[in-house]
Amino acid sequence: MNLTLKEQERLLIFNIAEISRRRWKRGVKLNYVEATAIICDELLERAREGNCSLTDLVQIGSQIITEEDVMDGTAALLPAIQLEVLLPDGNKLLSVQDPIRLEKREEALQFHELLSMNY
């Protein structure tokens, strides 16, 4: 099987996100790469499902990881995430400003909503 560069990148994001979710579930504070991978993976999958608009995805992207979930200083390292997502009407550039803007886990999408999704 020959994978395109984009497919290889997608697999890399998925693998890092899976390892990161295991740590997150155990209560380990996430670093920059781990937080970014989880957010990107969630957005790519929700876009691929085709049930969310670009606006919905931007909102969801800022409700996945909170300051409580990450190591000190991580939120400041991630002022924006830009990601090419596949929507039913084609590829679009998604930009989420301040994706780690919520302070407490209670304010964000709940673990069970994120960790139990079977893609």
N, C-alpha and C. Protein backbone atom coordinates (compact mmCIF):
# COMPACT_ATOMS: atom_id res chain seq x y z
N MET A 1 0.84 -1.17 0.00
CA MET A 1 0.00 0.00 0.00
C MET A 1 0.89 1.24 0.00
N ASN A 2 0.60 2.14 -0.88
CA ASN A 2 1.33 3.41 -0.94
C ASN A 2 0.44 4.51 -0.37
N LEU A 3 0.88 5.10 0.73
CA LEU A 3 0.12 6.17 1.35
C LEU A 3 0.67 7.51 0.90
N THR A 4 -0.25 8.45 0.71
CA THR A 4 0.18 9.80 0.37
C THR A 4 0.77 10.45 1.62
N LEU A 5 1.45 11.56 1.43
CA LEU A 5 2.01 12.30 2.55
C LEU A 5 0.90 12.71 3.52
N LYS A 6 -0.23 13.13 2.98
CA LYS A 6 -1.36 13.54 3.82
C LYS A 6 -1.88 12.36 4.65
N GLU A 7 -1.95 11.18 4.06
CA GLU A 7 -2.40 9.99 4.78
C GLU A 7 -1.39 9.59 5.86
N GLN A 8 -0.12 9.72 5.56
CA GLN A 8 0.92 9.43 6.55
C GLN A 8 0.83 10.39 7.74
N GLU A 9 0.60 11.67 7.45
CA GLU A 9 0.45 12.66 8.51
C GLU A 9 -0.77 12.35 9.37
N ARG A 10 -1.85 11.93 8.71
CA ARG A 10 -3.08 11.59 9.45
C ARG A 10 -2.84 10.43 10.41
N LEU A 11 -2.12 9.42 9.95
CA LEU A 11 -1.80 8.28 10.81
C LEU A 11 -0.92 8.69 11.98
N LEU A 12 0.01 9.56 11.74
CA LEU A 12 0.88 10.05 12.80
C LEU A 12 0.07 10.80 13.86
N ILE A 13 -0.82 11.68 13.42
CA ILE A 13 -1.68 12.43 14.36
C ILE A 13 -2.52 11.46 15.17
N PHE A 14 -3.12 10.47 14.50
CA PHE A 14 -3.97 9.50 15.19
C PHE A 14 -3.18 8.73 16.26
N ASN A 15 -1.99 8.26 15.90
CA ASN A 15 -1.19 7.49 16.86
C ASN A 15 -0.78 8.31 18.07
N ILE A 16 -0.35 9.53 17.84
CA ILE A 16 0.02 10.40 18.96
C ILE A 16 -1.21 10.71 19.82
N ALA A 17 -2.35 10.95 19.16
CA ALA A 17 -3.58 11.24 19.91
C ALA A 17 -4.00 10.05 20.77
N GLU A 18 -3.86 8.84 20.26
CA GLU A 18 -4.24 7.66 21.04
C GLU A 18 -3.36 7.50 22.27
N ILE A 19 -2.07 7.65 22.13
CA ILE A 19 -1.16 7.58 23.28
C ILE A 19 -1.51 8.69 24.28
N SER A 20 -1.78 9.87 23.75
CA SER A 20 -2.10 11.03 24.60
C SER A 20 -3.40 10.83 25.34
N ARG A 21 -4.40 10.24 24.69
CA ARG A 21 -5.68 9.98 25.37
C ARG A 21 -5.51 9.02 26.54
N ARG A 22 -4.65 8.04 26.38
CA ARG A 22 -4.38 7.09 27.48
C ARG A 22 -3.81 7.85 28.68
N ARG A 23 -2.87 8.73 28.42
CA ARG A 23 -2.27 9.51 29.51
C ARG A 23 -3.29 10.44 30.14
N TRP A 24 -4.05 11.10 29.29
CA TRP A 24 -5.08 12.05 29.73
C TRP A 24 -6.11 11.35 30.61
N LYS A 25 -6.53 10.17 30.19
CA LYS A 25 -7.52 9.39 30.94
C LYS A 25 -6.99 9.03 32.34
N ARG A 26 -5.67 8.81 32.44
CA ARG A 26 -5.05 8.49 33.73
C ARG A 26 -4.77 9.73 34.57
N GLY A 27 -5.06 10.90 34.02
CA GLY A 27 -4.85 12.14 34.76
C GLY A 27 -3.48 12.76 34.58
N VAL A 28 -2.70 12.27 33.62
CA VAL A 28 -1.39 12.83 33.34
C VAL A 28 -1.58 14.15 32.58
N LYS A 29 -0.90 15.19 33.03
CA LYS A 29 -0.98 16.48 32.35
C LYS A 29 -0.35 16.37 30.96
N LEU A 30 -1.03 16.91 29.96
CA LEU A 30 -0.57 16.83 28.58
C LEU A 30 0.45 17.90 28.26
N ASN A 31 1.38 17.57 27.36
CA ASN A 31 2.31 18.57 26.85
C ASN A 31 1.76 19.16 25.55
N TYR A 32 2.52 20.04 24.93
CA TYR A 32 2.11 20.72 23.70
C TYR A 32 1.72 19.75 22.59
N VAL A 33 2.56 18.79 22.31
CA VAL A 33 2.33 17.84 21.22
C VAL A 33 1.10 16.98 21.50
N GLU A 34 0.97 16.51 22.73
CA GLU A 34 -0.16 15.65 23.09
C GLU A 34 -1.49 16.40 22.99
N ALA A 35 -1.54 17.61 23.52
CA ALA A 35 -2.76 18.41 23.45
C ALA A 35 -3.14 18.73 22.01
N THR A 36 -2.15 19.11 21.22
CA THR A 36 -2.39 19.42 19.81
C THR A 36 -2.91 18.20 19.06
N ALA A 37 -2.33 17.04 19.30
CA ALA A 37 -2.74 15.82 18.60
C ALA A 37 -4.19 15.45 18.93
N ILE A 38 -4.58 15.55 20.18
CA ILE A 38 -5.96 15.22 20.56
C ILE A 38 -6.93 16.17 19.88
N ILE A 39 -6.65 17.46 19.95
CA ILE A 39 -7.55 18.44 19.33
C ILE A 39 -7.65 18.20 17.82
N CYS A 40 -6.52 18.03 17.16
CA CYS A 40 -6.51 17.81 15.71
C CYS A 40 -7.25 16.53 15.33
N ASP A 41 -7.01 15.46 16.06
CA ASP A 41 -7.67 14.19 15.76
C ASP A 41 -9.19 14.31 15.89
N GLU A 42 -9.64 14.94 16.96
CA GLU A 42 -11.09 15.12 17.15
C GLU A 42 -11.69 15.95 16.02
N LEU A 43 -11.02 17.02 15.64
CA LEU A 43 -11.55 17.88 14.58
C LEU A 43 -11.55 17.18 13.23
N LEU A 44 -10.49 16.46 12.92
CA LEU A 44 -10.43 15.73 11.65
C LEU A 44 -11.54 14.68 11.55
N GLU A 45 -11.78 13.97 12.63
CA GLU A 45 -12.82 12.94 12.61
C GLU A 45 -14.22 13.53 12.54
N ARG A 46 -14.47 14.57 13.30
CA ARG A 46 -15.80 15.19 13.25
C ARG A 46 -16.06 15.84 11.89
N ALA A 47 -15.04 16.40 11.29
CA ALA A 47 -15.19 16.96 9.93
C ALA A 47 -15.49 15.85 8.95
N ARG A 48 -14.78 14.75 9.05
CA ARG A 48 -14.96 13.63 8.13
C ARG A 48 -16.34 13.02 8.22
N GLU A 49 -16.93 13.02 9.43
CA GLU A 49 -18.30 12.52 9.61
C GLU A 49 -19.30 13.34 8.80
N GLY A 50 -19.00 14.62 8.63
CA GLY A 50 -19.86 15.47 7.82
C GLY A 50 -21.05 16.07 8.53
N ASN A 51 -21.11 15.96 9.85
CA ASN A 51 -22.26 16.47 10.61
C ASN A 51 -22.04 17.86 11.18
N CYS A 52 -20.84 18.40 11.04
CA CYS A 52 -20.51 19.69 11.63
C CYS A 52 -20.11 20.68 10.54
N SER A 53 -20.51 21.93 10.75
CA SER A 53 -20.06 23.00 9.85
C SER A 53 -18.68 23.46 10.31
N LEU A 54 -18.07 24.28 9.50
CA LEU A 54 -16.76 24.85 9.86
C LEU A 54 -16.88 25.64 11.16
N THR A 55 -17.96 26.39 11.31
CA THR A 55 -18.20 27.18 12.53
C THR A 55 -18.34 26.26 13.74
N ASP A 56 -19.07 25.16 13.58
CA ASP A 56 -19.21 24.19 14.67
C ASP A 56 -17.85 23.64 15.08
N LEU A 57 -17.03 23.31 14.09
CA LEU A 57 -15.72 22.74 14.36
C LEU A 57 -14.81 23.71 15.11
N VAL A 58 -14.89 24.99 14.76
CA VAL A 58 -14.10 26.00 15.46
C VAL A 58 -14.51 26.04 16.93
N GLN A 59 -15.80 26.00 17.19
CA GLN A 59 -16.30 26.03 18.57
C GLN A 59 -15.88 24.77 19.32
N ILE A 60 -16.04 23.62 18.70
CA ILE A 60 -15.65 22.35 19.33
C ILE A 60 -14.16 22.34 19.63
N GLY A 61 -13.36 22.87 18.71
CA GLY A 61 -11.91 22.87 18.87
C GLY A 61 -11.42 23.61 20.10
N SER A 62 -12.23 24.52 20.61
CA SER A 62 -11.83 25.26 21.80
C SER A 62 -12.46 24.69 23.07
N GLN A 63 -13.13 23.55 22.96
CA GLN A 63 -13.79 22.95 24.13
C GLN A 63 -13.28 21.55 24.44
N ILE A 64 -12.18 21.15 23.84
CA ILE A 64 -11.69 19.79 24.02
C ILE A 64 -10.70 19.70 25.18
N ILE A 65 -9.68 20.52 25.16
CA ILE A 65 -8.62 20.51 26.17
C ILE A 65 -8.68 21.82 26.96
N THR A 66 -8.50 21.72 28.27
CA THR A 66 -8.52 22.90 29.13
C THR A 66 -7.15 23.12 29.77
N GLU A 67 -6.99 24.27 30.40
CA GLU A 67 -5.74 24.56 31.09
C GLU A 67 -5.49 23.55 32.20
N GLU A 68 -6.54 23.03 32.78
CA GLU A 68 -6.42 22.03 33.84
C GLU A 68 -5.84 20.71 33.31
N ASP A 69 -5.99 20.46 32.01
CA ASP A 69 -5.54 19.21 31.39
C ASP A 69 -4.07 19.22 30.98
N VAL A 70 -3.46 20.41 30.92
CA VAL A 70 -2.12 20.52 30.33
C VAL A 70 -1.08 20.97 31.35
N MET A 71 0.18 20.75 30.99
CA MET A 71 1.30 21.19 31.82
C MET A 71 1.35 22.72 31.82
N ASP A 72 1.93 23.29 32.86
CA ASP A 72 2.05 24.75 32.96
C ASP A 72 2.73 25.31 31.71
N GLY A 73 2.15 26.37 31.17
CA GLY A 73 2.73 27.05 30.03
C GLY A 73 2.32 26.50 28.67
N THR A 74 1.66 25.37 28.66
CA THR A 74 1.30 24.74 27.38
C THR A 74 0.31 25.59 26.58
N ALA A 75 -0.69 26.13 27.24
CA ALA A 75 -1.70 26.94 26.54
C ALA A 75 -1.06 28.13 25.82
N ALA A 76 -0.07 28.73 26.43
CA ALA A 76 0.61 29.88 25.82
C ALA A 76 1.40 29.48 24.58
N LEU A 77 1.82 28.23 24.52
CA LEU A 77 2.57 27.75 23.35
C LEU A 77 1.68 27.47 22.15
N LEU A 78 0.38 27.46 22.38
CA LEU A 78 -0.57 27.07 21.34
C LEU A 78 -1.59 28.19 21.09
N PRO A 79 -1.17 29.29 20.47
CA PRO A 79 -2.09 30.40 20.23
C PRO A 79 -3.15 30.09 19.17
N ALA A 80 -2.86 29.12 18.28
CA ALA A 80 -3.81 28.77 17.23
C ALA A 80 -3.48 27.39 16.66
N ILE A 81 -4.51 26.75 16.15
CA ILE A 81 -4.33 25.52 15.39
C ILE A 81 -4.94 25.75 14.02
N GLN A 82 -4.18 25.48 12.99
CA GLN A 82 -4.70 25.54 11.62
C GLN A 82 -4.58 24.15 11.04
N LEU A 83 -5.68 23.71 10.44
CA LEU A 83 -5.78 22.33 10.03
C LEU A 83 -6.64 22.24 8.77
N GLU A 84 -6.21 21.45 7.81
CA GLU A 84 -7.02 21.22 6.63
C GLU A 84 -7.94 20.04 6.92
N VAL A 85 -9.24 20.27 6.83
CA VAL A 85 -10.22 19.23 7.13
C VAL A 85 -11.04 18.91 5.89
N LEU A 86 -11.51 17.68 5.82
CA LEU A 86 -12.35 17.24 4.71
C LEU A 86 -13.81 17.30 5.13
N LEU A 87 -14.55 18.20 4.51
CA LEU A 87 -15.99 18.34 4.72
C LEU A 87 -16.71 17.80 3.49
N PRO A 88 -18.03 17.57 3.59
CA PRO A 88 -18.76 17.04 2.43
C PRO A 88 -18.60 17.86 1.15
N ASP A 89 -18.35 19.18 1.29
CA ASP A 89 -18.20 20.02 0.11
C ASP A 89 -16.73 20.27 -0.25
N GLY A 90 -15.83 19.49 0.32
CA GLY A 90 -14.42 19.59 -0.04
C GLY A 90 -13.52 19.94 1.13
N ASN A 91 -12.24 20.10 0.84
CA ASN A 91 -11.25 20.45 1.86
C ASN A 91 -11.37 21.92 2.22
N LYS A 92 -11.26 22.20 3.53
CA LYS A 92 -11.33 23.57 4.03
C LYS A 92 -10.24 23.78 5.06
N LEU A 93 -9.77 25.00 5.17
CA LEU A 93 -8.80 25.35 6.20
C LEU A 93 -9.57 25.76 7.46
N LEU A 94 -9.30 25.07 8.54
CA LEU A 94 -9.93 25.33 9.83
C LEU A 94 -8.91 26.02 10.72
N SER A 95 -9.29 27.12 11.31
CA SER A 95 -8.39 27.86 12.21
C SER A 95 -9.10 28.06 13.55
N VAL A 96 -8.51 27.51 14.60
CA VAL A 96 -9.05 27.66 15.95
C VAL A 96 -8.08 28.53 16.74
N GLN A 97 -8.52 29.72 17.10
CA GLN A 97 -7.70 30.63 17.89
C GLN A 97 -7.84 30.28 19.37
N ASP A 98 -6.75 30.29 20.09
CA ASP A 98 -6.73 29.95 21.51
C ASP A 98 -7.49 28.66 21.81
N PRO A 99 -7.05 27.55 21.26
CA PRO A 99 -7.78 26.29 21.46
C PRO A 99 -7.80 25.81 22.91
N ILE A 100 -6.86 26.28 23.74
CA ILE A 100 -6.88 25.93 25.16
C ILE A 100 -7.23 27.21 25.91
N ARG A 101 -8.50 27.56 25.90
CA ARG A 101 -8.93 28.81 26.52
C ARG A 101 -9.76 28.60 27.78
N LEU A 102 -10.30 27.43 27.95
CA LEU A 102 -11.10 27.15 29.14
C LEU A 102 -10.19 26.73 30.29
N GLU A 103 -10.55 27.13 31.50
CA GLU A 103 -9.70 26.81 32.64
C GLU A 103 -9.99 25.42 33.21
N LYS A 104 -11.25 25.09 33.41
CA LYS A 104 -11.62 23.88 34.14
C LYS A 104 -12.23 22.83 33.22
N ARG A 105 -11.98 21.59 33.54
CA ARG A 105 -12.50 20.44 32.79
C ARG A 105 -14.02 20.46 32.72
N GLU A 106 -14.70 20.93 33.78
CA GLU A 106 -16.16 20.96 33.81
C GLU A 106 -16.75 21.85 32.70
N GLU A 107 -15.98 22.81 32.24
CA GLU A 107 -16.44 23.75 31.22
C GLU A 107 -16.35 23.16 29.81
N ALA A 108 -15.60 22.10 29.64
CA ALA A 108 -15.30 21.55 28.32
C ALA A 108 -16.18 20.35 28.00
N LEU A 109 -16.01 19.84 26.77
CA LEU A 109 -16.65 18.59 26.43
C LEU A 109 -16.16 17.54 27.40
N GLN A 110 -17.02 16.68 27.82
CA GLN A 110 -16.67 15.71 28.85
C GLN A 110 -15.84 14.56 28.30
N PHE A 111 -15.05 13.96 29.18
CA PHE A 111 -14.20 12.84 28.81
C PHE A 111 -14.98 11.76 28.06
N HIS A 112 -16.14 11.39 28.62
CA HIS A 112 -16.88 10.29 28.00
C HIS A 112 -17.33 10.62 26.58
N GLU A 113 -17.55 11.88 26.29
CA GLU A 113 -17.90 12.28 24.93
C GLU A 113 -16.73 12.11 23.97
N LEU A 114 -15.53 12.32 24.49
CA LEU A 114 -14.33 12.27 23.66
C LEU A 114 -13.67 10.90 23.65
N LEU A 115 -13.60 10.27 24.80
CA LEU A 115 -12.87 9.01 24.92
C LEU A 115 -13.66 7.82 24.46
N SER A 116 -14.98 7.93 24.42
CA SER A 116 -15.79 6.77 24.04
C SER A 116 -16.17 6.78 22.57
N MET A 117 -15.75 7.79 21.83
CA MET A 117 -16.10 7.84 20.41
C MET A 117 -15.39 6.72 19.68
N ASN A 118 -16.14 5.92 18.99
CA ASN A 118 -15.58 4.81 18.22
C ASN A 118 -15.54 5.20 16.76
N TYR A 119 -14.37 5.56 16.30
CA TYR A 119 -14.22 5.98 14.90
C TYR A 119 -13.91 4.80 14.04
